Amino acid sequence: MGWYRQAPGKQRELVATITSGGSTNYPDSVKGRFTISRDNA
């Protein structure tokens, strides 16, 4: 699962991803500020 964002006049960009096992990835632009999580239930 993931979050993406799109600002006016810009392409959609990746914000964060998380695998079913809980592994996460963030671009430098949001790293340290954003946190992705999931509740599988």
PDB file of all heavy atoms in Angstrom:
ATOM      1  N   MET A   1       0.859  -1.172   0.000  1.00  0.00           N
ATOM      2  CA  MET A   1       0.000   0.000   0.000  1.00  0.00           C
ATOM      3  C   MET A   1       0.900   1.227   0.000  1.00  0.00           C
ATOM      4  O   MET A   1       2.044   1.161   0.446  1.00  0.00           O
ATOM      5  CB  MET A   1      -0.909   0.026   1.227  1.00  0.00           C
ATOM      6  CG  MET A   1      -1.820  -1.172   1.346  1.00  0.00           C
ATOM      7  SD  MET A   1      -3.011  -1.027   2.713  1.00  0.00           S
ATOM      8  CE  MET A   1      -4.243   0.045   1.949  1.00  0.00           C
ATOM      9  N   GLY A   2       0.371   2.325  -0.495  1.00  0.00           N
ATOM     10  CA  GLY A   2       1.178   3.520  -0.543  1.00  0.00           C
ATOM     11  C   GLY A   2       0.370   4.796  -0.589  1.00  0.00           C
ATOM     12  O   GLY A   2      -0.841   4.775  -0.834  1.00  0.00           O
ATOM     13  N   TRP A   3       1.061   5.892  -0.326  1.00  0.00           N
ATOM     14  CA  TRP A   3       0.485   7.217  -0.440  1.00  0.00           C
ATOM     15  C   TRP A   3       1.257   7.995  -1.495  1.00  0.00           C
ATOM     16  O   TRP A   3       2.494   7.944  -1.532  1.00  0.00           O
ATOM     17  CB  TRP A   3       0.543   7.975   0.888  1.00  0.00           C
ATOM     18  CG  TRP A   3      -0.432   7.493   1.911  1.00  0.00           C
ATOM     19  CD1 TRP A   3      -0.211   6.594   2.900  1.00  0.00           C
ATOM     20  CD2 TRP A   3      -1.800   7.899   2.039  1.00  0.00           C
ATOM     21  NE1 TRP A   3      -1.347   6.409   3.653  1.00  0.00           N
ATOM     22  CE2 TRP A   3      -2.334   7.197   3.147  1.00  0.00           C
ATOM     23  CE3 TRP A   3      -2.615   8.787   1.339  1.00  0.00           C
ATOM     24  CZ2 TRP A   3      -3.652   7.355   3.565  1.00  0.00           C
ATOM     25  CZ3 TRP A   3      -3.933   8.942   1.752  1.00  0.00           C
ATOM     26  CH2 TRP A   3      -4.435   8.233   2.843  1.00  0.00           C
ATOM     27  N   TYR A   4       0.531   8.701  -2.337  1.00  0.00           N
ATOM     28  CA  TYR A   4       1.099   9.544  -3.374  1.00  0.00           C
ATOM     29  C   TYR A   4       0.465  10.920  -3.260  1.00  0.00           C
ATOM     30  O   TYR A   4      -0.592  11.081  -2.663  1.00  0.00           O
ATOM     31  CB  TYR A   4       0.826   8.965  -4.763  1.00  0.00           C
ATOM     32  CG  TYR A   4       1.471   7.616  -5.011  1.00  0.00           C
ATOM     33  CD1 TYR A   4       0.958   6.463  -4.428  1.00  0.00           C
ATOM     34  CD2 TYR A   4       2.590   7.499  -5.836  1.00  0.00           C
ATOM     35  CE1 TYR A   4       1.546   5.227  -4.649  1.00  0.00           C
ATOM     36  CE2 TYR A   4       3.178   6.268  -6.066  1.00  0.00           C
ATOM     37  CZ  TYR A   4       2.651   5.136  -5.466  1.00  0.00           C
ATOM     38  OH  TYR A   4       3.243   3.919  -5.697  1.00  0.00           O
ATOM     39  N   ARG A   5       1.111  11.911  -3.841  1.00  0.00           N
ATOM     40  CA  ARG A   5       0.536  13.247  -3.820  1.00  0.00           C
ATOM     41  C   ARG A   5       0.789  13.951  -5.142  1.00  0.00           C
ATOM     42  O   ARG A   5       1.744  13.657  -5.849  1.00  0.00           O
ATOM     43  CB  ARG A   5       1.092  14.076  -2.666  1.00  0.00           C
ATOM     44  CG  ARG A   5       2.578  14.422  -2.781  1.00  0.00           C
ATOM     45  CD  ARG A   5       3.051  15.124  -1.520  1.00  0.00           C
ATOM     46  NE  ARG A   5       4.453  15.505  -1.602  1.00  0.00           N
ATOM     47  CZ  ARG A   5       5.158  15.997  -0.592  1.00  0.00           C
ATOM     48  NH1 ARG A   5       4.578  16.164   0.596  1.00  0.00           N
ATOM     49  NH2 ARG A   5       6.435  16.322  -0.750  1.00  0.00           N
ATOM     50  N   GLN A   6      -0.081  14.880  -5.451  1.00  0.00           N
ATOM     51  CA  GLN A   6       0.046  15.646  -6.673  1.00  0.00           C
ATOM     52  C   GLN A   6      -0.339  17.094  -6.428  1.00  0.00           C
ATOM     53  O   GLN A   6      -1.467  17.389  -6.040  1.00  0.00           O
ATOM     54  CB  GLN A   6      -0.827  15.056  -7.787  1.00  0.00           C
ATOM     55  CG  GLN A   6      -0.620  15.698  -9.137  1.00  0.00           C
ATOM     56  CD  GLN A   6      -1.233  14.892 -10.267  1.00  0.00           C
ATOM     57  OE1 GLN A   6      -2.152  14.105 -10.056  1.00  0.00           O
ATOM     58  NE2 GLN A   6      -0.719  15.072 -11.463  1.00  0.00           N
ATOM     59  N   ALA A   7       0.619  17.977  -6.634  1.00  0.00           N
ATOM     60  CA  ALA A   7       0.394  19.407  -6.502  1.00  0.00           C
ATOM     61  C   ALA A   7       0.062  19.977  -7.874  1.00  0.00           C
ATOM     62  O   ALA A   7       0.410  19.391  -8.901  1.00  0.00           O
ATOM     63  CB  ALA A   7       1.631  20.085  -5.930  1.00  0.00           C
ATOM     64  N   PRO A   8      -0.605  21.131  -7.920  1.00  0.00           N
ATOM     65  CA  PRO A   8      -0.956  21.740  -9.204  1.00  0.00           C
ATOM     66  C   PRO A   8       0.265  21.946 -10.099  1.00  0.00           C
ATOM     67  O   PRO A   8       1.284  22.469  -9.648  1.00  0.00           O
ATOM     68  CB  PRO A   8      -1.568  23.078  -8.791  1.00  0.00           C
ATOM     69  CG  PRO A   8      -2.144  22.810  -7.443  1.00  0.00           C
ATOM     70  CD  PRO A   8      -1.133  21.905  -6.789  1.00  0.00           C
ATOM     71  N   GLY A   9       0.167  21.502 -11.342  1.00  0.00           N
ATOM     72  CA  GLY A   9       1.254  21.675 -12.285  1.00  0.00           C
ATOM     73  C   GLY A   9       2.402  20.708 -12.135  1.00  0.00           C
ATOM     74  O   GLY A   9       3.396  20.822 -12.859  1.00  0.00           O
ATOM     75  N   LYS A  10       2.290  19.766 -11.219  1.00  0.00           N
ATOM     76  CA  LYS A  10       3.358  18.810 -10.996  1.00  0.00           C
ATOM     77  C   LYS A  10       2.864  17.377 -11.194  1.00  0.00           C
ATOM     78  O   LYS A  10       1.669  17.106 -11.158  1.00  0.00           O
ATOM     79  CB  LYS A  10       3.933  18.953  -9.588  1.00  0.00           C
ATOM     80  CG  LYS A  10       4.607  20.287  -9.318  1.00  0.00           C
ATOM     81  CD  LYS A  10       5.244  20.305  -7.940  1.00  0.00           C
ATOM     82  CE  LYS A  10       5.969  21.612  -7.678  1.00  0.00           C
ATOM     83  NZ  LYS A  10       6.601  21.622  -6.336  1.00  0.00           N
ATOM     84  N   GLN A  11       3.813  16.482 -11.406  1.00  0.00           N
ATOM     85  CA  GLN A  11       3.477  15.076 -11.559  1.00  0.00           C
ATOM     86  C   GLN A  11       3.200  14.448 -10.198  1.00  0.00           C
ATOM     87  O   GLN A  11       3.662  14.932  -9.167  1.00  0.00           O
ATOM     88  CB  GLN A  11       4.619  14.324 -12.242  1.00  0.00           C
ATOM     89  CG  GLN A  11       4.867  14.714 -13.690  1.00  0.00           C
ATOM     90  CD  GLN A  11       5.902  13.827 -14.350  1.00  0.00           C
ATOM     91  OE1 GLN A  11       6.793  13.290 -13.699  1.00  0.00           O
ATOM     92  NE2 GLN A  11       5.778  13.661 -15.652  1.00  0.00           N
ATOM     93  N   ARG A  12       2.442  13.381 -10.225  1.00  0.00           N
ATOM     94  CA  ARG A  12       2.166  12.661  -9.001  1.00  0.00           C
ATOM     95  C   ARG A  12       3.463  12.022  -8.504  1.00  0.00           C
ATOM     96  O   ARG A  12       4.220  11.431  -9.280  1.00  0.00           O
ATOM     97  CB  ARG A  12       1.102  11.590  -9.242  1.00  0.00           C
ATOM     98  CG  ARG A  12       0.616  10.898  -7.990  1.00  0.00           C
ATOM     99  CD  ARG A  12      -0.586  10.000  -8.278  1.00  0.00           C
ATOM    100  NE  ARG A  12      -1.714  10.769  -8.796  1.00  0.00           N
ATOM    101  CZ  ARG A  12      -2.919  10.253  -9.026  1.00  0.00           C
ATOM    102  NH1 ARG A  12      -3.157   8.980  -8.780  1.00  0.00           N
ATOM    103  NH2 ARG A  12      -3.884  11.024  -9.504  1.00  0.00           N
ATOM    104  N   GLU A  13       3.726  12.149  -7.215  1.00  0.00           N
ATOM    105  CA  GLU A  13       4.946  11.608  -6.652  1.00  0.00           C
ATOM    106  C   GLU A  13       4.670  10.686  -5.471  1.00  0.00           C
ATOM    107  O   GLU A  13       3.677  10.830  -4.765  1.00  0.00           O
ATOM    108  CB  GLU A  13       5.883  12.733  -6.209  1.00  0.00           C
ATOM    109  CG  GLU A  13       5.346  13.583  -5.069  1.00  0.00           C
ATOM    110  CD  GLU A  13       6.346  14.606  -4.566  1.00  0.00           C
ATOM    111  OE1 GLU A  13       7.547  14.493  -4.903  1.00  0.00           O
ATOM    112  OE2 GLU A  13       5.927  15.527  -3.830  1.00  0.00           O
ATOM    113  N   LEU A  14       5.569   9.771  -5.277  1.00  0.00           N
ATOM    114  CA  LEU A  14       5.470   8.833  -4.169  1.00  0.00           C
ATOM    115  C   LEU A  14       5.759   9.544  -2.856  1.00  0.00           C
ATOM    116  O   LEU A  14       6.709  10.314  -2.747  1.00  0.00           O
ATOM    117  CB  LEU A  14       6.453   7.681  -4.372  1.00  0.00           C
ATOM    118  CG  LEU A  14       6.565   6.666  -3.239  1.00  0.00           C
ATOM    119  CD1 LEU A  14       5.292   5.829  -3.165  1.00  0.00           C
ATOM    120  CD2 LEU A  14       7.774   5.769  -3.456  1.00  0.00           C
ATOM    121  N   VAL A  15       4.955   9.255  -1.857  1.00  0.00           N
ATOM    122  CA  VAL A  15       5.144   9.817  -0.527  1.00  0.00           C
ATOM    123  C   VAL A  15       5.645   8.751   0.439  1.00  0.00           C
ATOM    124  O   VAL A  15       6.554   8.985   1.237  1.00  0.00           O
ATOM    125  CB  VAL A  15       3.841  10.437   0.012  1.00  0.00           C
ATOM    126  CG1 VAL A  15       4.034  10.914   1.452  1.00  0.00           C
ATOM    127  CG2 VAL A  15       3.400  11.596  -0.874  1.00  0.00           C
ATOM    128  N   ALA A  16       5.041   7.584   0.391  1.00  0.00           N
ATOM    129  CA  ALA A  16       5.424   6.501   1.282  1.00  0.00           C
ATOM    130  C   ALA A  16       4.818   5.193   0.808  1.00  0.00           C
ATOM    131  O   ALA A  16       3.750   5.182   0.198  1.00  0.00           O
ATOM    132  CB  ALA A  16       4.968   6.789   2.715  1.00  0.00           C
ATOM    133  N   THR A  17       5.497   4.100   1.084  1.00  0.00           N
ATOM    134  CA  THR A  17       4.969   2.779   0.779  1.00  0.00           C
ATOM    135  C   THR A  17       5.177   1.870   1.974  1.00  0.00           C
ATOM    136  O   THR A  17       6.084   2.081   2.779  1.00  0.00           O
ATOM    137  CB  THR A  17       5.646   2.127  -0.445  1.00  0.00           C
ATOM    138  OG1 THR A  17       7.046   1.976  -0.200  1.00  0.00           O
ATOM    139  CG2 THR A  17       5.428   2.961  -1.693  1.00  0.00           C
ATOM    140  N   ILE A  18       4.340   0.859   2.052  1.00  0.00           N
ATOM    141  CA  ILE A  18       4.471  -0.122   3.118  1.00  0.00           C
ATOM    142  C   ILE A  18       4.047  -1.478   2.585  1.00  0.00           C
ATOM    143  O   ILE A  18       3.018  -1.621   1.922  1.00  0.00           O
ATOM    144  CB  ILE A  18       3.632   0.278   4.361  1.00  0.00           C
ATOM    145  CG1 ILE A  18       3.862  -0.714   5.505  1.00  0.00           C
ATOM    146  CG2 ILE A  18       2.147   0.380   4.018  1.00  0.00           C
ATOM    147  CD1 ILE A  18       3.320  -0.219   6.841  1.00  0.00           C
ATOM    148  N   THR A  19       4.850  -2.488   2.836  1.00  0.00           N
ATOM    149  CA  THR A  19       4.546  -3.836   2.378  1.00  0.00           C
ATOM    150  C   THR A  19       3.626  -4.518   3.376  1.00  0.00           C
ATOM    151  O   THR A  19       3.364  -4.012   4.461  1.00  0.00           O
ATOM    152  CB  THR A  19       5.820  -4.666   2.218  1.00  0.00           C
ATOM    153  OG1 THR A  19       6.401  -4.894   3.512  1.00  0.00           O
ATOM    154  CG2 THR A  19       6.832  -3.954   1.331  1.00  0.00           C
ATOM    155  N   SER A  20       3.141  -5.684   2.993  1.00  0.00           N
ATOM    156  CA  SER A  20       2.274  -6.439   3.889  1.00  0.00           C
ATOM    157  C   SER A  20       3.015  -6.843   5.158  1.00  0.00           C
ATOM    158  O   SER A  20       2.392  -7.062   6.198  1.00  0.00           O
ATOM    159  CB  SER A  20       1.734  -7.686   3.182  1.00  0.00           C
ATOM    160  OG  SER A  20       2.787  -8.530   2.749  1.00  0.00           O
ATOM    161  N   GLY A  21       4.337  -6.929   5.064  1.00  0.00           N
ATOM    162  CA  GLY A  21       5.151  -7.282   6.212  1.00  0.00           C
ATOM    163  C   GLY A  21       5.564  -6.098   7.063  1.00  0.00           C
ATOM    164  O   GLY A  21       6.216  -6.269   8.094  1.00  0.00           O
ATOM    165  N   GLY A  22       5.207  -4.884   6.625  1.00  0.00           N
ATOM    166  CA  GLY A  22       5.507  -3.702   7.408  1.00  0.00           C
ATOM    167  C   GLY A  22       6.757  -2.943   7.019  1.00  0.00           C
ATOM    168  O   GLY A  22       7.124  -1.968   7.685  1.00  0.00           O
ATOM    169  N   SER A  23       7.416  -3.339   5.947  1.00  0.00           N
ATOM    170  CA  SER A  23       8.599  -2.624   5.488  1.00  0.00           C
ATOM    171  C   SER A  23       8.178  -1.323   4.820  1.00  0.00           C
ATOM    172  O   SER A  23       7.280  -1.314   3.981  1.00  0.00           O
ATOM    173  CB  SER A  23       9.389  -3.484   4.508  1.00  0.00           C
ATOM    174  OG  SER A  23      10.531  -2.805   4.044  1.00  0.00           O
ATOM    175  N   THR A  24       8.833  -0.217   5.175  1.00  0.00           N
ATOM    176  CA  THR A  24       8.449   1.095   4.655  1.00  0.00           C
ATOM    177  C   THR A  24       9.558   1.767   3.867  1.00  0.00           C
ATOM    178  O   THR A  24      10.741   1.479   4.045  1.00  0.00           O
ATOM    179  CB  THR A  24       8.033   2.030   5.793  1.00  0.00           C
ATOM    180  OG1 THR A  24       9.143   2.206   6.695  1.00  0.00           O
ATOM    181  CG2 THR A  24       6.867   1.440   6.577  1.00  0.00           C
ATOM    182  N   ASN A  25       9.147   2.694   2.994  1.00  0.00           N
ATOM    183  CA  ASN A  25      10.075   3.492   2.219  1.00  0.00           C
ATOM    184  C   ASN A  25       9.527   4.902   2.074  1.00  0.00           C
ATOM    185  O   ASN A  25       8.327   5.091   1.920  1.00  0.00           O
ATOM    186  CB  ASN A  25      10.306   2.889   0.836  1.00  0.00           C
ATOM    187  CG  ASN A  25      11.240   1.708   0.861  1.00  0.00           C
ATOM    188  OD1 ASN A  25      10.812   0.566   0.777  1.00  0.00           O
ATOM    189  ND2 ASN A  25      12.537   1.987   0.989  1.00  0.00           N
ATOM    190  N   TYR A  26      10.424   5.890   2.120  1.00  0.00           N
ATOM    191  CA  TYR A  26      10.058   7.286   1.986  1.00  0.00           C
ATOM    192  C   TYR A  26      11.078   8.023   1.136  1.00  0.00           C
ATOM    193  O   TYR A  26      12.269   7.723   1.195  1.00  0.00           O
ATOM    194  CB  TYR A  26      10.019   7.990   3.346  1.00  0.00           C
ATOM    195  CG  TYR A  26       9.202   7.313   4.413  1.00  0.00           C
ATOM    196  CD1 TYR A  26       9.770   6.354   5.245  1.00  0.00           C
ATOM    197  CD2 TYR A  26       7.871   7.655   4.606  1.00  0.00           C
ATOM    198  CE1 TYR A  26       9.028   5.742   6.244  1.00  0.00           C
ATOM    199  CE2 TYR A  26       7.120   7.052   5.600  1.00  0.00           C
ATOM    200  CZ  TYR A  26       7.708   6.095   6.417  1.00  0.00           C
ATOM    201  OH  TYR A  26       6.959   5.496   7.403  1.00  0.00           O
ATOM    202  N   PRO A  27      10.635   8.999   0.380  1.00  0.00           N
ATOM    203  CA  PRO A  27      11.591   9.848  -0.332  1.00  0.00           C
ATOM    204  C   PRO A  27      12.204  10.830   0.669  1.00  0.00           C
ATOM    205  O   PRO A  27      11.654  11.047   1.756  1.00  0.00           O
ATOM    206  CB  PRO A  27      10.722  10.564  -1.364  1.00  0.00           C
ATOM    207  CG  PRO A  27       9.385  10.650  -0.706  1.00  0.00           C
ATOM    208  CD  PRO A  27       9.239   9.350   0.045  1.00  0.00           C
ATOM    209  N   ASP A  28      13.325  11.417   0.312  1.00  0.00           N
ATOM    210  CA  ASP A  28      14.009  12.335   1.214  1.00  0.00           C
ATOM    211  C   ASP A  28      13.152  13.541   1.599  1.00  0.00           C
ATOM    212  O   ASP A  28      13.324  14.104   2.678  1.00  0.00           O
ATOM    213  CB  ASP A  28      15.313  12.821   0.588  1.00  0.00           C
ATOM    214  CG  ASP A  28      16.357  11.730   0.503  1.00  0.00           C
ATOM    215  OD1 ASP A  28      16.253  10.738   1.250  1.00  0.00           O
ATOM    216  OD2 ASP A  28      17.292  11.868  -0.312  1.00  0.00           O
ATOM    217  N   SER A  29      12.236  13.926   0.739  1.00  0.00           N
ATOM    218  CA  SER A  29      11.416  15.095   0.989  1.00  0.00           C
ATOM    219  C   SER A  29      10.513  14.967   2.216  1.00  0.00           C
ATOM    220  O   SER A  29      10.125  15.973   2.809  1.00  0.00           O
ATOM    221  CB  SER A  29      10.565  15.427  -0.238  1.00  0.00           C
ATOM    222  OG  SER A  29       9.715  14.343  -0.573  1.00  0.00           O
ATOM    223  N   VAL A  30      10.179  13.734   2.594  1.00  0.00           N
ATOM    224  CA  VAL A  30       9.292  13.539   3.739  1.00  0.00           C
ATOM    225  C   VAL A  30       9.905  12.683   4.831  1.00  0.00           C
ATOM    226  O   VAL A  30       9.328  12.568   5.922  1.00  0.00           O
ATOM    227  CB  VAL A  30       7.942  12.912   3.319  1.00  0.00           C
ATOM    228  CG1 VAL A  30       7.310  13.710   2.192  1.00  0.00           C
ATOM    229  CG2 VAL A  30       8.124  11.459   2.901  1.00  0.00           C
ATOM    230  N   LYS A  31      11.046  12.113   4.565  1.00  0.00           N
ATOM    231  CA  LYS A  31      11.697  11.230   5.527  1.00  0.00           C
ATOM    232  C   LYS A  31      11.944  11.950   6.855  1.00  0.00           C
ATOM    233  O   LYS A  31      12.466  13.056   6.885  1.00  0.00           O
ATOM    234  CB  LYS A  31      13.006  10.712   4.950  1.00  0.00           C
ATOM    235  CG  LYS A  31      13.635   9.560   5.735  1.00  0.00           C
ATOM    236  CD  LYS A  31      14.834   8.988   4.988  1.00  0.00           C
ATOM    237  CE  LYS A  31      14.421   8.418   3.642  1.00  0.00           C
ATOM    238  NZ  LYS A  31      15.579   7.828   2.904  1.00  0.00           N
ATOM    239  N   GLY A  32      11.549  11.311   7.932  1.00  0.00           N
ATOM    240  CA  GLY A  32      11.711  11.890   9.247  1.00  0.00           C
ATOM    241  C   GLY A  32      10.521  12.701   9.700  1.00  0.00           C
ATOM    242  O   GLY A  32      10.411  13.032  10.887  1.00  0.00           O
ATOM    243  N   ARG A  33       9.635  13.040   8.777  1.00  0.00           N
ATOM    244  CA  ARG A  33       8.452  13.836   9.106  1.00  0.00           C
ATOM    245  C   ARG A  33       7.158  13.038   8.959  1.00  0.00           C
ATOM    246  O   ARG A  33       6.221  13.228   9.727  1.00  0.00           O
ATOM    247  CB  ARG A  33       8.368  15.075   8.214  1.00  0.00           C
ATOM    248  CG  ARG A  33       9.547  16.026   8.364  1.00  0.00           C
ATOM    249  CD  ARG A  33       9.304  17.327   7.599  1.00  0.00           C
ATOM    250  NE  ARG A  33       9.137  17.110   6.164  1.00  0.00           N
ATOM    251  CZ  ARG A  33       8.047  17.441   5.482  1.00  0.00           C
ATOM    252  NH1 ARG A  33       7.012  18.003   6.098  1.00  0.00           N
ATOM    253  NH2 ARG A  33       7.985  17.219   4.176  1.00  0.00           N
ATOM    254  N   PHE A  34       7.118  12.160   7.966  1.00  0.00           N
ATOM    255  CA  PHE A  34       5.924  11.361   7.694  1.00  0.00           C
ATOM    256  C   PHE A  34       6.140   9.919   8.121  1.00  0.00           C
ATOM    257  O   PHE A  34       7.252   9.390   8.025  1.00  0.00           O
ATOM    258  CB  PHE A  34       5.588  11.371   6.201  1.00  0.00           C
ATOM    259  CG  PHE A  34       5.101  12.688   5.671  1.00  0.00           C
ATOM    260  CD1 PHE A  34       5.156  13.846   6.428  1.00  0.00           C
ATOM    261  CD2 PHE A  34       4.583  12.761   4.379  1.00  0.00           C
ATOM    262  CE1 PHE A  34       4.711  15.064   5.921  1.00  0.00           C
ATOM    263  CE2 PHE A  34       4.133  13.966   3.867  1.00  0.00           C
ATOM    264  CZ  PHE A  34       4.192  15.115   4.626  1.00  0.00           C
ATOM    265  N   THR A  35       5.065   9.281   8.556  1.00  0.00           N
ATOM    266  CA  THR A  35       5.118   7.878   8.934  1.00  0.00           C
ATOM    267  C   THR A  35       3.907   7.143   8.373  1.00  0.00           C
ATOM    268  O   THR A  35       2.771   7.546   8.610  1.00  0.00           O
ATOM    269  CB  THR A  35       5.142   7.701  10.462  1.00  0.00           C
ATOM    270  OG1 THR A  35       6.265   8.389  11.019  1.00  0.00           O
ATOM    271  CG2 THR A  35       5.243   6.218  10.815  1.00  0.00           C
ATOM    272  N   ILE A  36       4.164   6.084   7.630  1.00  0.00           N
ATOM    273  CA  ILE A  36       3.082   5.273   7.096  1.00  0.00           C
ATOM    274  C   ILE A  36       2.920   4.034   7.969  1.00  0.00           C
ATOM    275  O   ILE A  36       3.899   3.476   8.458  1.00  0.00           O
ATOM    276  CB  ILE A  36       3.349   4.868   5.624  1.00  0.00           C
ATOM    277  CG1 ILE A  36       2.121   4.176   5.020  1.00  0.00           C
ATOM    278  CG2 ILE A  36       4.587   3.983   5.508  1.00  0.00           C
ATOM    279  CD1 ILE A  36       2.239   3.936   3.514  1.00  0.00           C
ATOM    280  N   SER A  37       1.692   3.624   8.178  1.00  0.00           N
ATOM    281  CA  SER A  37       1.409   2.437   8.970  1.00  0.00           C
ATOM    282  C   SER A  37       0.139   1.789   8.440  1.00  0.00           C
ATOM    283  O   SER A  37      -0.574   2.371   7.626  1.00  0.00           O
ATOM    284  CB  SER A  37       1.261   2.792  10.458  1.00  0.00           C
ATOM    285  OG  SER A  37       0.179   3.686  10.662  1.00  0.00           O
ATOM    286  N   ARG A  38      -0.132   0.587   8.895  1.00  0.00           N
ATOM    287  CA  ARG A  38      -1.334  -0.094   8.431  1.00  0.00           C
ATOM    288  C   ARG A  38      -1.918  -0.977   9.514  1.00  0.00           C
ATOM    289  O   ARG A  38      -1.218  -1.461  10.406  1.00  0.00           O
ATOM    290  CB  ARG A  38      -1.035  -0.915   7.171  1.00  0.00           C
ATOM    291  CG  ARG A  38      -0.026  -2.040   7.366  1.00  0.00           C
ATOM    292  CD  ARG A  38       0.425  -2.611   6.026  1.00  0.00           C
ATOM    293  NE  ARG A  38      -0.630  -3.371   5.359  1.00  0.00           N
ATOM    294  CZ  ARG A  38      -0.547  -3.824   4.109  1.00  0.00           C
ATOM    295  NH1 ARG A  38       0.533  -3.557   3.378  1.00  0.00           N
ATOM    296  NH2 ARG A  38      -1.548  -4.522   3.589  1.00  0.00           N
ATOM    297  N   ASP A  39      -3.212  -1.184   9.413  1.00  0.00           N
ATOM    298  CA  ASP A  39      -3.941  -2.079  10.293  1.00  0.00           C
ATOM    299  C   ASP A  39      -4.581  -3.113   9.382  1.00  0.00           C
ATOM    300  O   ASP A  39      -5.617  -2.858   8.772  1.00  0.00           O
ATOM    301  CB  ASP A  39      -4.995  -1.315  11.091  1.00  0.00           C
ATOM    302  CG  ASP A  39      -5.698  -2.188  12.121  1.00  0.00           C
ATOM    303  OD1 ASP A  39      -5.751  -3.420  11.930  1.00  0.00           O
ATOM    304  OD2 ASP A  39      -6.198  -1.643  13.123  1.00  0.00           O
ATOM    305  N   ASN A  40      -3.951  -4.253   9.273  1.00  0.00           N
ATOM    306  CA  ASN A  40      -4.432  -5.282   8.356  1.00  0.00           C
ATOM    307  C   ASN A  40      -5.825  -5.809   8.718  1.00  0.00           C
ATOM    308  O   ASN A  40      -6.591  -6.196   7.840  1.00  0.00           O
ATOM    309  CB  ASN A  40      -3.437  -6.440   8.305  1.00  0.00           C
ATOM    310  CG  ASN A  40      -2.129  -6.045   7.653  1.00  0.00           C
ATOM    311  OD1 ASN A  40      -2.090  -5.174   6.777  1.00  0.00           O
ATOM    312  ND2 ASN A  40      -1.037  -6.676   8.070  1.00  0.00           N
ATOM    313  N   ALA A  41      -6.141  -5.822   9.991  1.00  0.00           N
ATOM    314  CA  ALA A  41      -7.449  -6.298  10.423  1.00  0.00           C
ATOM    315  C   ALA A  41      -8.561  -5.382   9.937  1.00  0.00           C
ATOM    316  O   ALA A  41      -9.699  -5.816   9.740  1.00  0.00           O
ATOM    317  CB  ALA A  41      -7.497  -6.424  11.939  1.00  0.00           C
TER     318      ALA A  41
END
